[in-house]
Amino acid sequence: MREIKHSGQVALIMVLIMTVVSAIAVSLAGRSTVETRIQQMNVENTEALLTAQSGLEASIAQNTAVSGSLGDGRGYQVTLSDVGNTGISSELINAGQGFEINLEGATGITGVKIYWKAATPAGDPAIFVSDVRDTQSVDYAYDSTGNNGFTKVVNGGSFGGVNYTYTIPSPINISLASSKKLKITVLGSAAFLGIEPIGGEFPPQFTNFRSVADVAGTDQNVVKYGIQYVESKTDQLPSVFDYVLFSGGSIMQ
């Protein structure tokens, strides 16, 4: 019987097996490297966020711009800016909630114009405005129909880069000698407000705290993270307190 040798075929099979094993090993190594880098980036981003928050908390507590270092290549810088002098675009205000504008310290204002639009497609909000003065309040009410003592509104137009549905037909007259603040209450449905001073400027209404963190990352990279916080200068209370003050009710926890 003749002996058949398969050494060449065995060698080829071994080469193929080694090639497949090597490819799998390289793939696993590459995947491990990517996952490790992703984990490092998550850690660095978290450190940057916490560093920015630390700076923000320090700045709010001191009510001033601050900068500092937390060591290990982590630092922050917080800047402050006053906003609201030339006009205000509010966030969403729910029905029954109020928004206040401080007038003490205003310069040159003879009136205020108010714009608004519904926050929901089917909404048709109205507003009730109180000009709070030294000894009394002068009240105004506006809606889209002009019934039941309300003044009918007109088409809003654009203000502050925002298109509004409604605006009041003429500015509310302001007496800087006696007017202390405007209080605007949204009725009917949620709305966004725009408030424009006529003839001058409001005093600053908000302080904007902006904190930027720098964290030393891997490969000589610097990870930056920025957050900001806006604080009212009028110390507005949550709208629930309006109910308590005017209904005689109480707050239950």
Protein backbone atom coordinates (compact mmCIF):
# COMPACT_ATOMS: atom_id res chain seq x y z
CA MET A 1 0.00 0.00 0.00
CA ARG A 2 1.26 3.47 -0.99
CA GLU A 3 1.59 6.07 1.79
CA ILE A 4 0.00 9.50 0.96
CA LYS A 5 1.52 12.55 2.67
CA HIS A 6 -0.67 15.64 3.46
CA SER A 7 1.95 17.90 5.07
CA GLY A 8 1.34 20.74 2.56
CA GLN A 9 -2.42 20.73 3.16
CA VAL A 10 -1.96 20.67 6.94
CA ALA A 11 0.40 23.63 6.73
CA LEU A 12 -2.13 25.58 4.62
CA ILE A 13 -4.93 24.82 7.07
CA MET A 14 -2.74 25.95 9.97
CA VAL A 15 -1.96 29.19 8.15
CA LEU A 16 -5.66 29.81 7.57
CA ILE A 17 -6.45 29.09 11.22
CA MET A 18 -3.71 31.42 12.42
CA THR A 19 -4.93 34.14 10.05
CA VAL A 20 -8.48 33.91 11.42
CA VAL A 21 -7.27 33.85 15.03
CA SER A 22 -5.02 36.86 14.39
CA ALA A 23 -7.89 38.80 12.77
CA ILE A 24 -10.15 38.05 15.75
CA ALA A 25 -7.42 39.09 18.18
CA VAL A 26 -6.80 42.37 16.32
CA SER A 27 -10.53 43.06 16.21
CA LEU A 28 -10.92 42.41 19.94
CA ALA A 29 -7.90 44.56 20.73
CA GLY A 30 -9.26 47.41 18.61
CA ARG A 31 -12.68 47.11 20.20
CA SER A 32 -11.15 47.11 23.66
CA THR A 33 -9.13 50.24 22.80
CA VAL A 34 -12.26 52.06 21.56
CA GLU A 35 -14.28 51.07 24.62
CA THR A 36 -11.46 52.19 26.90
CA ARG A 37 -11.30 55.56 25.14
CA ILE A 38 -15.08 55.96 25.38
CA GLN A 39 -14.90 55.27 29.11
CA GLN A 40 -12.09 57.82 29.47
CA MET A 41 -14.13 60.43 27.58
CA ASN A 42 -17.16 59.79 29.79
CA VAL A 43 -15.02 60.22 32.91
CA GLU A 44 -13.45 63.41 31.53
CA ASN A 45 -16.85 64.86 30.56
CA THR A 46 -18.26 64.06 33.99
CA GLU A 47 -15.27 65.71 35.68
CA ALA A 48 -15.72 68.78 33.46
CA LEU A 49 -19.43 68.99 34.32
CA LEU A 50 -18.78 68.70 38.06
CA THR A 51 -15.99 71.28 37.82
CA ALA A 52 -18.30 73.73 36.02
CA GLN A 53 -21.00 73.13 38.65
CA SER A 54 -18.51 73.78 41.44
CA GLY A 55 -17.58 77.12 39.90
CA LEU A 56 -21.24 78.02 39.37
CA GLU A 57 -22.13 77.27 42.99
CA ALA A 58 -19.19 79.34 44.24
CA SER A 59 -20.18 82.26 42.04
CA ILE A 60 -23.85 82.17 43.06
CA ALA A 61 -22.91 82.00 46.75
CA GLN A 62 -20.62 85.04 46.42
CA ASN A 63 -22.73 86.80 43.76
CA THR A 64 -19.60 87.69 41.84
CA ALA A 65 -17.41 86.42 39.02
CA VAL A 66 -14.92 83.80 40.21
CA SER A 67 -12.20 81.55 38.88
CA GLY A 68 -10.41 78.70 40.55
CA SER A 69 -8.66 75.37 40.36
CA LEU A 70 -9.65 72.01 41.83
CA GLY A 71 -6.24 70.47 41.13
CA ASP A 72 -5.27 67.69 38.73
CA GLY A 73 -5.71 69.97 35.72
CA ARG A 74 -9.28 70.97 36.61
CA GLY A 75 -10.20 74.65 36.62
CA TYR A 76 -13.21 76.92 36.10
CA GLN A 77 -14.03 80.50 35.24
CA VAL A 78 -17.43 82.09 35.89
CA THR A 79 -18.61 85.35 34.32
CA LEU A 80 -21.70 87.39 35.21
CA SER A 81 -23.83 89.58 32.96
CA ASP A 82 -27.05 91.51 33.53
CA VAL A 83 -29.85 90.99 31.01
CA GLY A 84 -33.36 92.30 30.41
CA ASN A 85 -32.63 96.02 30.03
CA THR A 86 -33.84 96.39 26.46
CA GLY A 87 -36.57 93.78 26.53
CA ILE A 88 -37.59 90.39 27.86
CA SER A 89 -38.63 87.15 26.18
CA SER A 90 -40.09 84.85 28.81
CA GLU A 91 -40.05 81.10 29.08
CA LEU A 92 -43.36 79.24 29.12
CA ILE A 93 -45.84 80.66 31.62
CA ASN A 94 -48.79 78.45 32.52
CA ALA A 95 -52.33 79.73 32.91
CA GLY A 96 -52.76 81.36 36.32
CA GLN A 97 -49.06 82.07 36.74
CA GLY A 98 -47.57 85.54 36.91
CA PHE A 99 -44.46 87.28 35.60
CA GLU A 100 -43.02 90.41 37.22
CA ILE A 101 -40.97 93.26 35.76
CA ASN A 102 -39.08 95.54 38.10
CA LEU A 103 -39.40 99.23 37.21
CA GLU A 104 -37.39 100.79 40.04
CA GLY A 105 -34.24 102.21 38.53
CA ALA A 106 -35.65 102.31 34.98
CA THR A 107 -34.44 105.19 32.80
CA GLY A 108 -36.50 107.17 30.32
CA ILE A 109 -39.39 104.72 30.05
CA THR A 110 -42.75 106.24 29.14
CA GLY A 111 -44.59 103.01 28.42
CA VAL A 112 -44.41 99.25 28.04
CA LYS A 113 -45.65 97.12 25.15
CA ILE A 114 -46.51 93.47 25.73
CA TYR A 115 -46.56 90.67 23.15
CA TRP A 116 -47.64 87.06 23.62
CA LYS A 117 -48.46 83.81 21.85
CA ALA A 118 -50.04 80.52 22.83
CA ALA A 119 -47.79 77.70 23.98
CA THR A 120 -50.19 75.09 22.56
CA PRO A 121 -51.82 74.94 19.08
CA ALA A 122 -55.37 75.24 20.44
CA GLY A 123 -54.57 77.81 23.12
CA ASP A 124 -55.94 81.35 23.18
CA PRO A 125 -54.35 83.04 26.21
CA ALA A 126 -55.37 86.37 27.67
CA ILE A 127 -53.36 88.54 30.07
CA PHE A 128 -54.13 90.64 33.14
CA VAL A 129 -51.60 93.41 33.85
CA SER A 130 -51.16 95.34 37.12
CA ASP A 131 -49.07 98.51 37.21
CA VAL A 132 -48.12 98.40 40.89
CA ARG A 133 -47.60 101.93 42.21
CA ASP A 134 -46.83 103.53 45.58
CA THR A 135 -50.39 103.54 46.90
CA GLN A 136 -52.44 101.67 44.32
CA SER A 137 -52.44 99.44 41.28
CA VAL A 138 -53.68 100.34 37.81
CA ASP A 139 -55.05 97.23 36.10
CA TYR A 140 -55.47 96.28 32.44
CA ALA A 141 -57.00 93.17 30.84
CA TYR A 142 -56.54 91.99 27.24
CA ASP A 143 -57.89 89.10 25.15
CA SER A 144 -58.69 88.21 21.54
CA THR A 145 -62.43 89.03 21.74
CA GLY A 146 -62.66 92.25 23.75
CA ASN A 147 -65.64 91.00 25.81
CA ASN A 148 -66.41 91.16 29.55
CA GLY A 149 -64.29 94.20 30.27
CA PHE A 150 -61.24 93.00 28.34
CA THR A 151 -59.57 95.16 25.71
CA LYS A 152 -59.28 93.50 22.30
CA VAL A 153 -55.73 92.83 21.14
CA VAL A 154 -54.17 93.38 17.72
CA ASN A 155 -51.78 91.28 15.64
CA GLY A 156 -48.52 90.76 17.49
CA GLY A 157 -45.69 90.97 14.98
CA SER A 158 -42.04 90.31 15.81
CA PHE A 159 -40.06 91.34 18.87
CA GLY A 160 -36.65 90.17 20.02
CA GLY A 161 -36.42 87.76 17.10
CA VAL A 162 -39.67 85.99 18.12
CA ASN A 163 -42.94 86.13 16.19
CA TYR A 164 -45.91 86.74 18.49
CA THR A 165 -49.63 86.32 17.82
CA TYR A 166 -50.95 89.21 19.91
CA THR A 167 -49.92 92.57 21.24
CA ILE A 168 -51.76 95.29 23.16
CA PRO A 169 -53.26 98.03 20.95
CA SER A 170 -51.22 100.80 22.60
CA PRO A 171 -48.40 100.85 25.18
CA ILE A 172 -49.26 100.90 28.87
CA ASN A 173 -48.34 104.33 30.24
CA ILE A 174 -45.67 104.18 32.93
CA SER A 175 -44.94 106.84 35.55
CA LEU A 176 -41.39 106.33 36.78
CA ALA A 177 -42.14 108.60 39.73
CA SER A 178 -44.64 106.12 41.16
CA SER A 179 -44.61 102.82 39.20
CA LYS A 180 -42.67 100.10 41.03
CA LYS A 181 -43.29 97.01 38.94
CA LEU A 182 -45.54 95.39 36.37
CA LYS A 183 -47.19 92.10 37.20
CA ILE A 184 -48.51 90.13 34.23
CA THR A 185 -50.82 87.16 34.85
CA VAL A 186 -51.53 84.71 32.01
CA LEU A 187 -55.16 83.55 31.74
CA GLY A 188 -56.89 80.82 29.77
CA SER A 189 -53.90 78.82 28.50
CA ALA A 190 -50.12 78.77 28.68
CA ALA A 191 -48.21 81.47 26.81
CA PHE A 192 -44.86 82.99 25.96
CA LEU A 193 -44.45 86.70 26.65
CA GLY A 194 -42.37 89.48 25.13
CA ILE A 195 -42.04 92.76 27.04
CA GLU A 196 -40.66 95.88 25.33
CA PRO A 197 -39.79 99.15 27.11
CA ILE A 198 -40.81 102.31 25.23
CA GLY A 199 -38.60 105.40 25.37
CA GLY A 200 -35.87 103.97 27.60
CA GLU A 201 -34.59 100.85 29.36
CA PHE A 202 -35.62 98.58 32.21
CA PRO A 203 -33.27 98.10 35.11
CA PRO A 204 -31.49 94.72 34.80
CA GLN A 205 -34.06 91.98 35.36
CA PHE A 206 -31.82 88.90 35.52
CA THR A 207 -28.24 87.94 36.27
CA ASN A 208 -26.75 85.38 33.91
CA PHE A 209 -24.05 83.17 35.51
CA ARG A 210 -21.90 81.36 32.92
CA SER A 211 -19.39 78.78 34.10
CA VAL A 212 -16.78 77.25 31.79
CA ALA A 213 -14.60 74.37 33.02
CA ASP A 214 -11.26 73.17 31.62
CA VAL A 215 -10.19 69.62 32.43
CA ALA A 216 -6.92 68.09 31.27
CA GLY A 217 -7.73 65.01 29.22
CA THR A 218 -5.62 62.26 27.73
CA ASP A 219 -3.26 62.85 24.79
CA GLN A 220 -2.74 66.47 25.87
CA ASN A 221 -6.38 67.28 25.11
CA VAL A 222 -8.37 69.84 27.12
CA VAL A 223 -12.03 69.06 27.76
CA LYS A 224 -14.25 72.14 28.02
CA TYR A 225 -17.75 72.19 29.52
CA GLY A 226 -20.03 75.21 29.89
CA ILE A 227 -23.23 75.66 31.88
CA GLN A 228 -25.25 78.73 32.79
CA TYR A 229 -27.84 79.78 35.34
CA VAL A 230 -30.21 82.75 35.18
CA GLU A 231 -31.31 84.33 38.45
CA SER A 232 -34.17 86.81 38.78
CA LYS A 233 -33.31 90.18 40.31
CA THR A 234 -36.95 90.69 41.31
CA ASP A 235 -36.98 87.66 43.66
CA GLN A 236 -40.19 86.35 42.15
CA LEU A 237 -42.08 83.85 44.27
CA PRO A 238 -43.54 80.69 42.76
CA SER A 239 -47.08 81.20 41.48
CA VAL A 240 -48.48 78.93 44.24
CA PHE A 241 -47.93 81.79 46.68
CA ASP A 242 -50.39 83.95 44.73
CA TYR A 243 -53.10 81.44 45.58
CA VAL A 244 -52.15 81.41 49.23
CA LEU A 245 -52.03 85.19 49.55
CA PHE A 246 -55.27 85.92 47.73
CA SER A 247 -57.42 82.93 48.69
CA GLY A 248 -56.61 82.78 52.39
CA GLY A 249 -55.65 79.14 51.95
CA SER A 250 -52.57 77.41 53.33
CA ILE A 251 -49.64 75.42 52.01
CA MET A 252 -49.73 71.74 52.86
CA GLN A 253 -46.71 69.49 52.52
